[in-house]
Amino acid sequence: MDRVLLLAGRGARAFGFGFAAVLIGLHLENRGLSAPLIGLALGIGLAAASISGLGAALVAARVGRRPVLAISGVLMALTGLDLAFAQQAAWLVAAGVTGMLGVASVDLGPFASVEQAALTEAVLPERRNLAFARYSLTAGLFNAAGGLSAVLATDQNAMRAFFLLYAAIGFATAGLPLGMSMRVEAELRGPAFAALRRPETRRVLAGLAALFALDSFAGGFVNNAVISYWLHIRFGAEPGLLGPVFGVVAVLQALSYEVSGRLSGKVGLINTMVFTHLPSNVLLLLVAFSPTLGSALALLFARFLLSQMDVPARQAYVVSIVPASDRAAAVAVTGAVRGVAQAFGPPLAGLAIAAAAFGLPFYAGGGLKIVYDLGLFAAFRRRPAEHEA
């Protein structure tokens, strides 16, 4: 039952994040915010999502994981109510301070570190890899559905209704932890971030955080918004085509999570992370050389079929190399570093595209990601996760 409730919360939030990511910019513009203020609001949301996991891990170490998951739901509800009812620019810009604005990713925010640690306790060690694959699959499918549902927001009143739904989703997910058992809590309680006080664990987390930061920085060059804009500038692709294209991308990514869970159980988490990610980045480099829109889309679809298979493997690995009491802290630290690093990529990619250096985002993103893959394999191939040793 614990696992079902965790997946239900993950899926509901992902649905909300899916339509919020599509509508938030338009909604803020309709409320009278200028482009710089919209950018500020989104930047605050991304930064808060990146670092709020640290605070959540700290609180969870003191009061438990279930209360923190409930608080995360309340924060999501407050964000939705702010967006639905606020009129003043200051309140609208401040909507992101909760860390639950939903503009970054479904695996960033105050819930992520605690939820992933709780999922680890809710399943048997031999089922952990597959459990994290289903966790990512659930988020991917619901996120895609949420994004597609945004087509119903045809006017400002409809947008307001969507953000009221966002608030309702928050309140609903706040109630789910009440049904969870004590099993989702760590058996060994300890001070928050005690893992960082142990030299060996500190070295491991520092190495992982540095590599994840490199991967996220590279990913910022080629996130969906950048790719969409590049397809429009390079080939003249219009929104009527780009919407379905990224709907297909979301489905491909979601399906790859299930494959990842089964594959990692056979070849190991690090091997799954590296040997699926590496070819996807070679494909990313080739996109820049595409002579036609059709060839570019074919390469992108192939790339996205592989590129996210490392996500559930990464999540399972991070929570499996530290003691149970440190799992939320490990996810929080690596997640915060990833999120902050990712924020620098889009502005640089935008400058490159504006300067007509059409291929540069793909060269930079693909090249740096290949360096990450090789570095991860070199540093961690001989360090299996707890349940793999």
Protein backbone atom coordinates (compact mmCIF):
# COMPACT_ATOMS: atom_id res chain seq x y z
CA MET A 1 0.00 0.00 0.00
CA ASP A 2 2.85 2.41 0.79
CA ARG A 3 4.24 2.02 -2.71
CA VAL A 4 0.80 2.58 -4.26
CA LEU A 5 0.32 5.79 -2.28
CA LEU A 6 3.79 7.04 -3.21
CA LEU A 7 3.14 6.40 -6.90
CA ALA A 8 -0.28 8.05 -6.65
CA GLY A 9 1.27 11.19 -5.22
CA ARG A 10 4.02 11.15 -7.83
CA GLY A 11 1.56 10.75 -10.70
CA ALA A 12 -0.87 13.43 -9.47
CA ARG A 13 1.89 16.00 -9.00
CA ALA A 14 3.41 15.13 -12.40
CA PHE A 15 0.04 15.75 -14.07
CA GLY A 16 -0.11 19.17 -12.43
CA PHE A 17 3.48 19.98 -13.35
CA GLY A 18 2.73 18.93 -16.92
CA PHE A 19 0.05 21.53 -17.56
CA ALA A 20 1.67 24.17 -15.33
CA ALA A 21 4.88 24.13 -17.36
CA VAL A 22 2.86 24.84 -20.53
CA LEU A 23 0.58 27.51 -19.07
CA ILE A 24 2.59 29.42 -16.48
CA GLY A 25 4.32 31.81 -18.89
CA LEU A 26 1.11 32.63 -20.76
CA HIS A 27 -0.81 33.02 -17.51
CA LEU A 28 1.70 35.48 -16.08
CA GLU A 29 1.73 37.45 -19.33
CA ASN A 30 -2.08 37.65 -19.30
CA ARG A 31 -1.88 38.98 -15.74
CA GLY A 32 0.24 41.87 -17.03
CA LEU A 33 3.77 40.78 -16.12
CA SER A 34 6.56 41.88 -18.43
CA ALA A 35 8.99 39.44 -20.00
CA PRO A 36 11.75 40.21 -17.45
CA LEU A 37 9.34 39.62 -14.56
CA ILE A 38 8.14 36.36 -16.08
CA GLY A 39 11.76 35.28 -16.41
CA LEU A 40 12.36 36.26 -12.79
CA ALA A 41 9.34 34.24 -11.64
CA LEU A 42 10.49 31.16 -13.53
CA GLY A 43 14.04 31.60 -12.28
CA ILE A 44 12.85 31.81 -8.69
CA GLY A 45 10.78 28.67 -9.24
CA LEU A 46 13.75 26.77 -10.67
CA ALA A 47 16.13 27.90 -7.91
CA ALA A 48 13.64 27.12 -5.15
CA ALA A 49 12.92 23.68 -6.61
CA SER A 50 16.64 22.99 -6.72
CA ILE A 51 17.42 23.85 -3.11
CA SER A 52 14.16 23.12 -1.29
CA GLY A 53 15.04 19.43 -1.15
CA LEU A 54 17.80 20.34 1.30
CA GLY A 55 15.32 21.89 3.69
CA ALA A 56 12.93 18.98 3.26
CA ALA A 57 15.67 16.49 4.15
CA LEU A 58 16.55 18.53 7.23
CA VAL A 59 12.95 18.62 8.45
CA ALA A 60 12.37 14.94 7.61
CA ALA A 61 15.31 13.95 9.81
CA ARG A 62 13.57 15.61 12.75
CA VAL A 63 9.88 14.97 12.25
CA GLY A 64 9.69 12.12 9.73
CA ARG A 65 9.10 11.70 6.02
CA ARG A 66 5.31 11.51 6.02
CA PRO A 67 4.80 14.98 7.52
CA VAL A 68 7.24 16.47 4.98
CA LEU A 69 5.39 14.85 2.07
CA ALA A 70 2.15 16.30 3.42
CA ILE A 71 3.76 19.75 3.71
CA SER A 72 4.94 19.50 0.10
CA GLY A 73 1.35 18.96 -0.99
CA VAL A 74 0.23 22.03 0.96
CA LEU A 75 2.99 24.10 -0.68
CA MET A 76 1.76 22.98 -4.10
CA ALA A 77 -1.78 24.00 -3.14
CA LEU A 78 -0.60 27.43 -1.99
CA THR A 79 1.22 27.91 -5.29
CA GLY A 80 -1.93 27.10 -7.24
CA LEU A 81 -4.08 29.43 -5.15
CA ASP A 82 -1.53 32.23 -5.55
CA LEU A 83 -1.54 31.88 -9.34
CA ALA A 84 -5.31 31.59 -9.52
CA PHE A 85 -6.19 34.61 -7.38
CA ALA A 86 -3.21 37.00 -7.10
CA GLN A 87 -3.38 40.22 -9.07
CA GLN A 88 -0.26 42.05 -7.89
CA ALA A 89 2.99 41.35 -9.72
CA ALA A 90 4.90 40.80 -6.47
CA TRP A 91 2.60 37.95 -5.41
CA LEU A 92 2.71 36.34 -8.83
CA VAL A 93 6.50 36.50 -8.97
CA ALA A 94 6.65 35.02 -5.46
CA ALA A 95 4.61 31.97 -6.47
CA GLY A 96 7.82 30.06 -7.13
CA VAL A 97 9.33 30.44 -3.65
CA THR A 98 7.54 27.27 -2.50
CA GLY A 99 9.67 25.16 -4.84
CA MET A 100 6.46 23.69 -6.29
CA LEU A 101 5.93 25.90 -9.34
CA GLY A 102 6.54 22.92 -11.61
CA VAL A 103 8.66 24.64 -14.26
CA ALA A 104 11.80 22.58 -13.77
CA SER A 105 11.31 18.86 -13.55
CA VAL A 106 9.15 16.37 -11.74
CA ASP A 107 12.16 15.05 -9.83
CA LEU A 108 13.08 18.41 -8.28
CA GLY A 109 11.34 20.07 -5.35
CA PRO A 110 10.84 19.59 -1.62
CA PHE A 111 9.06 16.26 -2.12
CA ALA A 112 11.73 14.57 -4.26
CA SER A 113 14.45 13.79 -1.74
CA VAL A 114 12.03 12.52 0.88
CA GLU A 115 9.80 10.59 -1.52
CA GLN A 116 12.69 8.72 -3.15
CA ALA A 117 14.09 7.80 0.25
CA ALA A 118 10.65 6.58 1.35
CA LEU A 119 10.25 4.49 -1.80
CA THR A 120 13.54 2.76 -1.00
CA GLU A 121 12.13 1.59 2.35
CA ALA A 122 8.76 0.59 0.86
CA VAL A 123 10.14 -2.15 -1.42
CA LEU A 124 12.46 -5.11 -1.02
CA PRO A 125 16.09 -4.43 -2.07
CA GLU A 126 15.89 -6.89 -4.97
CA ARG A 127 12.85 -4.98 -6.30
CA ARG A 128 14.40 -1.54 -5.90
CA ASN A 129 15.59 -1.01 -9.48
CA LEU A 130 12.21 -1.90 -10.95
CA ALA A 131 10.40 0.18 -8.33
CA PHE A 132 12.31 3.30 -9.34
CA ALA A 133 11.62 2.53 -13.00
CA ARG A 134 7.87 2.39 -12.29
CA TYR A 135 8.21 5.57 -10.23
CA SER A 136 9.71 7.37 -13.24
CA LEU A 137 7.28 5.73 -15.67
CA THR A 138 4.31 6.96 -13.64
CA ALA A 139 5.66 10.50 -13.61
CA GLY A 140 6.47 10.47 -17.31
CA LEU A 141 3.03 9.30 -18.43
CA PHE A 142 1.10 11.66 -16.15
CA ASN A 143 3.38 14.56 -17.03
CA ALA A 144 2.70 13.97 -20.72
CA ALA A 145 -1.05 13.78 -20.04
CA GLY A 146 -0.93 17.03 -18.10
CA GLY A 147 0.91 18.79 -20.89
CA LEU A 148 -1.59 17.60 -23.48
CA SER A 149 -4.53 18.65 -21.28
CA ALA A 150 -3.30 22.24 -21.45
CA VAL A 151 -4.84 22.56 -24.92
CA LEU A 152 -8.17 23.03 -23.07
CA ALA A 153 -6.96 26.31 -21.56
CA THR A 154 -8.45 28.46 -24.31
CA ASP A 155 -8.83 31.68 -22.32
CA GLN A 156 -7.87 33.34 -19.05
CA ASN A 157 -10.80 31.85 -17.12
CA ALA A 158 -9.83 28.37 -18.26
CA MET A 159 -6.24 29.00 -17.18
CA ARG A 160 -7.45 30.10 -13.78
CA ALA A 161 -9.47 26.88 -13.52
CA PHE A 162 -6.33 24.88 -14.30
CA PHE A 163 -4.45 26.52 -11.44
CA LEU A 164 -7.37 25.87 -9.10
CA LEU A 165 -7.05 22.23 -10.19
CA TYR A 166 -3.33 22.54 -9.41
CA ALA A 167 -4.22 23.62 -5.88
CA ALA A 168 -6.70 20.76 -5.53
CA ILE A 169 -4.02 18.28 -6.60
CA GLY A 170 -1.76 19.73 -3.91
CA PHE A 171 -4.34 19.27 -1.18
CA ALA A 172 -5.09 15.73 -2.40
CA THR A 173 -1.43 14.71 -2.33
CA ALA A 174 -1.06 16.27 1.13
CA GLY A 175 -3.57 13.72 2.40
CA LEU A 176 -1.92 10.64 0.90
CA PRO A 177 0.91 10.33 3.48
CA LEU A 178 -1.71 9.91 6.21
CA GLY A 179 -2.35 6.43 4.85
CA MET A 180 1.31 5.39 4.79
CA SER A 181 2.82 3.09 7.38
CA MET A 182 5.94 3.56 9.51
CA ARG A 183 7.79 1.43 6.97
CA VAL A 184 8.50 4.50 4.82
CA GLU A 185 10.53 6.04 7.64
CA ALA A 186 14.23 5.31 8.07
CA GLU A 187 14.94 2.53 10.54
CA LEU A 188 17.95 4.44 11.80
CA ARG A 189 17.28 8.08 12.60
CA GLY A 190 20.22 10.44 12.60
CA PRO A 191 21.10 14.10 12.23
CA ALA A 192 20.32 15.57 8.83
CA PHE A 193 23.27 15.41 6.42
CA ALA A 194 25.26 13.14 8.72
CA ALA A 195 26.45 11.49 5.52
CA LEU A 196 28.49 14.61 4.78
CA ARG A 197 30.39 14.17 8.05
CA ARG A 198 31.73 10.75 7.07
CA PRO A 199 34.84 11.17 4.88
CA GLU A 200 34.18 8.18 2.62
CA THR A 201 30.53 9.03 2.00
CA ARG A 202 31.41 12.69 1.56
CA ARG A 203 33.92 11.80 -1.17
CA VAL A 204 31.40 9.61 -2.97
CA LEU A 205 28.62 12.21 -2.86
CA ALA A 206 31.00 14.98 -3.90
CA GLY A 207 32.10 12.95 -6.91
CA LEU A 208 28.54 12.12 -7.91
CA ALA A 209 27.36 15.69 -7.38
CA ALA A 210 30.17 17.05 -9.58
CA LEU A 211 29.35 14.62 -12.37
CA PHE A 212 25.61 15.24 -12.11
CA ALA A 213 26.26 18.98 -12.23
CA LEU A 214 28.20 18.54 -15.49
CA ASP A 215 25.38 16.43 -16.95
CA SER A 216 22.71 18.94 -15.90
CA PHE A 217 24.68 21.91 -17.19
CA ALA A 218 25.00 20.13 -20.53
CA GLY A 219 21.31 19.24 -20.45
CA GLY A 220 20.44 22.91 -20.11
CA PHE A 221 21.81 23.47 -23.62
CA VAL A 222 19.38 20.96 -25.10
CA ASN A 223 16.25 21.00 -22.96
CA ASN A 224 12.90 20.73 -24.69
CA ALA A 225 12.37 24.48 -24.87
CA VAL A 226 15.73 25.01 -26.58
CA ILE A 227 15.19 22.12 -29.01
CA SER A 228 11.71 23.38 -29.86
CA TYR A 229 13.04 26.84 -30.59
CA TRP A 230 15.92 25.42 -32.66
CA LEU A 231 13.51 23.33 -34.78
CA HIS A 232 11.46 26.45 -35.41
CA ILE A 233 14.46 28.61 -36.38
CA ARG A 234 16.28 25.91 -38.37
CA PHE A 235 13.38 24.25 -40.20
CA GLY A 236 10.40 26.55 -39.68
CA ALA A 237 8.52 24.06 -37.48
CA GLU A 238 5.30 25.56 -36.10
CA PRO A 239 3.53 24.93 -32.77
CA GLY A 240 0.95 22.71 -34.46
CA LEU A 241 3.76 20.25 -35.22
CA LEU A 242 5.94 20.86 -32.18
CA GLY A 243 3.15 20.02 -29.69
CA PRO A 244 2.58 16.47 -30.99
CA VAL A 245 6.34 15.99 -31.45
CA PHE A 246 7.03 16.60 -27.79
CA GLY A 247 4.00 14.53 -26.83
CA VAL A 248 5.65 11.59 -28.61
CA VAL A 249 8.93 12.44 -26.89
CA ALA A 250 7.25 12.26 -23.46
CA VAL A 251 5.74 8.86 -24.23
CA LEU A 252 9.05 7.48 -25.52
CA GLN A 253 10.81 8.64 -22.39
CA ALA A 254 8.16 7.14 -20.14
CA LEU A 255 8.33 3.75 -21.85
CA SER A 256 12.12 3.71 -21.60
CA TYR A 257 11.89 3.84 -17.80
CA GLU A 258 10.37 0.35 -17.67
CA VAL A 259 13.14 -0.99 -19.90
CA SER A 260 15.71 0.68 -17.66
CA GLY A 261 14.37 -1.02 -14.54
CA ARG A 262 14.59 -4.45 -16.09
CA LEU A 263 17.96 -3.82 -17.72
CA SER A 264 19.61 -2.50 -14.55
CA GLY A 265 18.61 -5.67 -12.74
CA LYS A 266 20.65 -7.66 -15.27
CA VAL A 267 23.68 -5.50 -16.05
CA GLY A 268 23.87 -3.17 -13.03
CA LEU A 269 22.93 0.43 -12.36
CA ILE A 270 26.17 2.11 -13.47
CA ASN A 271 26.33 0.08 -16.69
CA THR A 272 22.72 0.98 -17.44
CA MET A 273 23.37 4.66 -16.80
CA VAL A 274 26.45 4.83 -19.01
CA PHE A 275 25.73 2.44 -21.87
CA THR A 276 22.27 3.85 -22.60
CA HIS A 277 23.24 7.50 -22.10
CA LEU A 278 26.41 7.42 -24.20
CA PRO A 279 24.80 6.42 -27.52
CA SER A 280 21.97 8.90 -26.92
CA ASN A 281 24.54 11.68 -26.77
CA VAL A 282 26.19 10.56 -29.99
CA LEU A 283 22.75 10.83 -31.60
CA LEU A 284 22.42 14.30 -30.07
CA LEU A 285 25.61 15.42 -31.81
CA LEU A 286 24.29 14.07 -35.12
CA VAL A 287 21.10 16.14 -34.84
CA ALA A 288 23.12 19.28 -35.59
CA PHE A 289 24.06 17.85 -39.01
CA SER A 290 20.47 17.00 -40.02
CA PRO A 291 19.70 18.33 -43.51
CA THR A 292 15.91 18.06 -43.15
CA LEU A 293 13.25 18.33 -40.48
CA GLY A 294 12.36 14.66 -40.92
CA SER A 295 15.92 13.46 -40.30
CA ALA A 296 16.26 15.76 -37.29
CA LEU A 297 13.05 14.41 -35.75
CA ALA A 298 14.07 10.80 -36.42
CA LEU A 299 17.38 11.34 -34.62
CA LEU A 300 15.67 13.15 -31.77
CA PHE A 301 13.13 10.37 -31.29
CA ALA A 302 15.93 7.78 -31.23
CA ARG A 303 17.86 9.93 -28.80
CA PHE A 304 14.94 10.42 -26.41
CA LEU A 305 14.20 6.70 -26.43
CA LEU A 306 17.59 6.21 -24.75
CA SER A 307 18.44 9.48 -23.04
CA GLN A 308 16.26 9.12 -19.93
CA MET A 309 16.96 5.48 -19.15
CA ASP A 310 19.62 6.65 -16.71
CA VAL A 311 17.04 8.51 -14.57
CA PRO A 312 15.57 5.61 -12.54
CA ALA A 313 19.00 3.96 -12.39
CA ARG A 314 20.51 7.18 -11.04
CA GLN A 315 17.77 7.55 -8.44
CA ALA A 316 18.16 3.96 -7.27
CA TYR A 317 21.94 4.29 -7.13
CA VAL A 318 22.04 7.50 -5.10
CA VAL A 319 19.77 6.13 -2.35
CA SER A 320 21.70 2.84 -2.26
CA ILE A 321 25.21 4.06 -1.51
CA VAL A 322 24.49 5.75 1.84
CA PRO A 323 22.94 4.53 5.12
CA ALA A 324 19.16 4.58 5.38
CA SER A 325 19.08 7.68 7.57
CA ASP A 326 21.11 9.63 4.99
CA ARG A 327 19.11 8.76 1.87
CA ALA A 328 16.97 11.90 1.78
CA ALA A 329 20.07 14.05 2.31
CA ALA A 330 21.93 12.29 -0.52
CA VAL A 331 19.07 12.91 -2.96
CA ALA A 332 18.72 16.50 -1.75
CA VAL A 333 22.40 17.37 -2.14
CA THR A 334 22.83 15.83 -5.59
CA GLY A 335 19.46 17.24 -6.72
CA ALA A 336 20.31 20.77 -5.59
CA VAL A 337 23.62 20.72 -7.44
CA ARG A 338 21.95 19.37 -10.59
CA GLY A 339 19.22 21.98 -10.55
CA VAL A 340 21.51 24.96 -10.03
CA ALA A 341 23.89 23.80 -12.77
CA GLN A 342 21.02 23.26 -15.20
CA ALA A 343 19.90 26.87 -14.89
CA PHE A 344 22.99 28.18 -16.70
CA GLY A 345 22.51 26.22 -19.92
CA PRO A 346 19.40 27.78 -21.50
CA PRO A 347 20.67 31.40 -21.56
CA LEU A 348 23.91 30.30 -23.24
CA ALA A 349 21.99 28.15 -25.74
CA GLY A 350 19.71 31.06 -26.52
CA LEU A 351 22.69 33.31 -27.22
CA ALA A 352 24.15 30.68 -29.54
CA ILE A 353 20.93 30.28 -31.51
CA ALA A 354 20.47 34.06 -31.74
CA ALA A 355 23.99 34.33 -33.18
CA ALA A 356 23.02 31.81 -35.91
CA ALA A 357 25.38 29.18 -34.45
CA PHE A 358 22.62 26.64 -34.97
CA GLY A 359 24.58 23.54 -34.04
CA LEU A 360 26.42 24.87 -31.00
CA PRO A 361 23.85 23.83 -28.36
CA PHE A 362 23.99 20.25 -29.66
CA TYR A 363 27.79 20.21 -29.83
CA ALA A 364 28.09 21.61 -26.32
CA GLY A 365 25.30 19.52 -24.81
CA GLY A 366 26.26 16.24 -26.49
CA GLY A 367 29.99 16.70 -25.99
CA LEU A 368 29.78 17.56 -22.30
CA LYS A 369 27.35 14.72 -21.68
CA ILE A 370 29.79 12.26 -23.26
CA VAL A 371 32.49 13.54 -20.89
CA TYR A 372 30.04 12.92 -18.03
CA ASP A 373 29.34 9.36 -19.18
CA LEU A 374 33.03 8.49 -19.43
CA GLY A 375 33.77 10.11 -16.06
CA LEU A 376 30.92 8.26 -14.33
CA PHE A 377 32.07 4.92 -15.70
CA ALA A 378 35.71 5.52 -14.76
CA ALA A 379 34.93 6.65 -11.22
CA PHE A 380 32.07 4.34 -10.18
CA ARG A 381 32.15 1.17 -12.26
CA ARG A 382 33.76 -0.71 -9.36
CA ARG A 383 31.39 0.68 -6.72
CA PRO A 384 28.09 -1.23 -6.90
CA ALA A 385 24.99 -0.14 -5.04
CA GLU A 386 24.11 -1.65 -1.68
CA HIS A 387 21.69 -4.20 -3.12
CA GLU A 388 24.08 -5.11 -5.96
CA ALA A 389 27.15 -5.82 -3.82
